[in-house]
Amino acid sequence: TSIEDSDKSERSSTSTDDDHVEKARAVICENRRLTVLEVSEEVGICKIRATRF
């Protein structure tokens, strides 16, 4: 196994579970002027993952 493989297996997948996806969509629909940082903080996911919504 490579170092890259072991890093991936320990990463959290919270940004892609159904609860976080629905919460992000609801937050965005409620206020479409929020920044990516504000959405990520509201939902509890990292900023990079929030860009996917």
C-alpha atoms as a PDB file:
ATOM      1  CA  THR A   1       0.000   0.000   0.000  1.00  0.00           C
ATOM      2  CA  SER A   2       1.188   3.486  -0.781  1.00  0.00           C
ATOM      3  CA  ILE A   3       1.044   6.491   1.500  1.00  0.00           C
ATOM      4  CA  GLU A   4      -1.623   8.019  -0.737  1.00  0.00           C
ATOM      5  CA  ASP A   5      -3.896   4.999  -0.329  1.00  0.00           C
ATOM      6  CA  SER A   6      -3.656   5.038   3.460  1.00  0.00           C
ATOM      7  CA  ASP A   7      -4.436   8.772   3.573  1.00  0.00           C
ATOM      8  CA  LYS A   8      -7.588   8.287   1.538  1.00  0.00           C
ATOM      9  CA  SER A   9      -8.902   5.499   3.743  1.00  0.00           C
ATOM     10  CA  GLU A  10      -8.747   7.717   6.825  1.00  0.00           C
ATOM     11  CA  ARG A  11     -10.454  10.760   5.346  1.00  0.00           C
ATOM     12  CA  SER A  12     -13.891  11.646   6.563  1.00  0.00           C
ATOM     13  CA  SER A  13     -16.739  11.338   4.097  1.00  0.00           C
ATOM     14  CA  THR A  14     -19.118  13.616   5.987  1.00  0.00           C
ATOM     15  CA  SER A  15     -19.341  16.062   3.109  1.00  0.00           C
ATOM     16  CA  THR A  16     -20.964  13.450   0.908  1.00  0.00           C
ATOM     17  CA  ASP A  17     -23.393  11.764   3.270  1.00  0.00           C
ATOM     18  CA  ASP A  18     -27.071  12.435   2.647  1.00  0.00           C
ATOM     19  CA  ASP A  19     -27.592  14.565   5.758  1.00  0.00           C
ATOM     20  CA  HIS A  20     -24.803  16.992   4.871  1.00  0.00           C
ATOM     21  CA  VAL A  21     -25.884  17.184   1.226  1.00  0.00           C
ATOM     22  CA  GLU A  22     -29.459  18.020   2.191  1.00  0.00           C
ATOM     23  CA  LYS A  23     -28.357  20.534   4.823  1.00  0.00           C
ATOM     24  CA  ALA A  24     -26.044  22.267   2.320  1.00  0.00           C
ATOM     25  CA  ARG A  25     -28.812  22.463  -0.276  1.00  0.00           C
ATOM     26  CA  ALA A  26     -31.243  23.874   2.274  1.00  0.00           C
ATOM     27  CA  VAL A  27     -28.734  26.488   3.456  1.00  0.00           C
ATOM     28  CA  ILE A  28     -27.984  27.534  -0.120  1.00  0.00           C
ATOM     29  CA  CYS A  29     -31.663  27.700  -1.102  1.00  0.00           C
ATOM     30  CA  GLU A  30     -32.418  29.784   1.970  1.00  0.00           C
ATOM     31  CA  ASN A  31     -29.772  32.373   1.087  1.00  0.00           C
ATOM     32  CA  ARG A  32     -28.097  32.150  -2.301  1.00  0.00           C
ATOM     33  CA  ARG A  33     -25.751  35.034  -1.440  1.00  0.00           C
ATOM     34  CA  LEU A  34     -23.760  33.020   1.094  1.00  0.00           C
ATOM     35  CA  THR A  35     -20.088  32.493   0.399  1.00  0.00           C
ATOM     36  CA  VAL A  36     -18.551  29.039   0.152  1.00  0.00           C
ATOM     37  CA  LEU A  37     -16.900  29.649   3.522  1.00  0.00           C
ATOM     38  CA  GLU A  38     -20.234  30.545   5.137  1.00  0.00           C
ATOM     39  CA  VAL A  39     -21.904  27.428   3.713  1.00  0.00           C
ATOM     40  CA  SER A  40     -19.042  25.213   4.882  1.00  0.00           C
ATOM     41  CA  GLU A  41     -19.191  26.653   8.403  1.00  0.00           C
ATOM     42  CA  GLU A  42     -22.979  26.355   8.589  1.00  0.00           C
ATOM     43  CA  VAL A  43     -23.015  22.746   7.409  1.00  0.00           C
ATOM     44  CA  GLY A  44     -19.831  21.634   9.153  1.00  0.00           C
ATOM     45  CA  ILE A  45     -17.807  20.582   6.119  1.00  0.00           C
ATOM     46  CA  CYS A  46     -14.523  21.807   4.686  1.00  0.00           C
ATOM     47  CA  LYS A  47     -14.511  24.732   2.281  1.00  0.00           C
ATOM     48  CA  ILE A  48     -13.290  22.650  -0.670  1.00  0.00           C
ATOM     49  CA  ARG A  49     -16.148  20.154  -0.273  1.00  0.00           C
ATOM     50  CA  ALA A  50     -18.663  22.989  -0.067  1.00  0.00           C
ATOM     51  CA  THR A  51     -17.693  24.118  -3.573  1.00  0.00           C
ATOM     52  CA  ARG A  52     -19.335  20.959  -4.921  1.00  0.00           C
ATOM     53  CA  PHE A  53     -22.828  22.118  -3.978  1.00  0.00           C
END
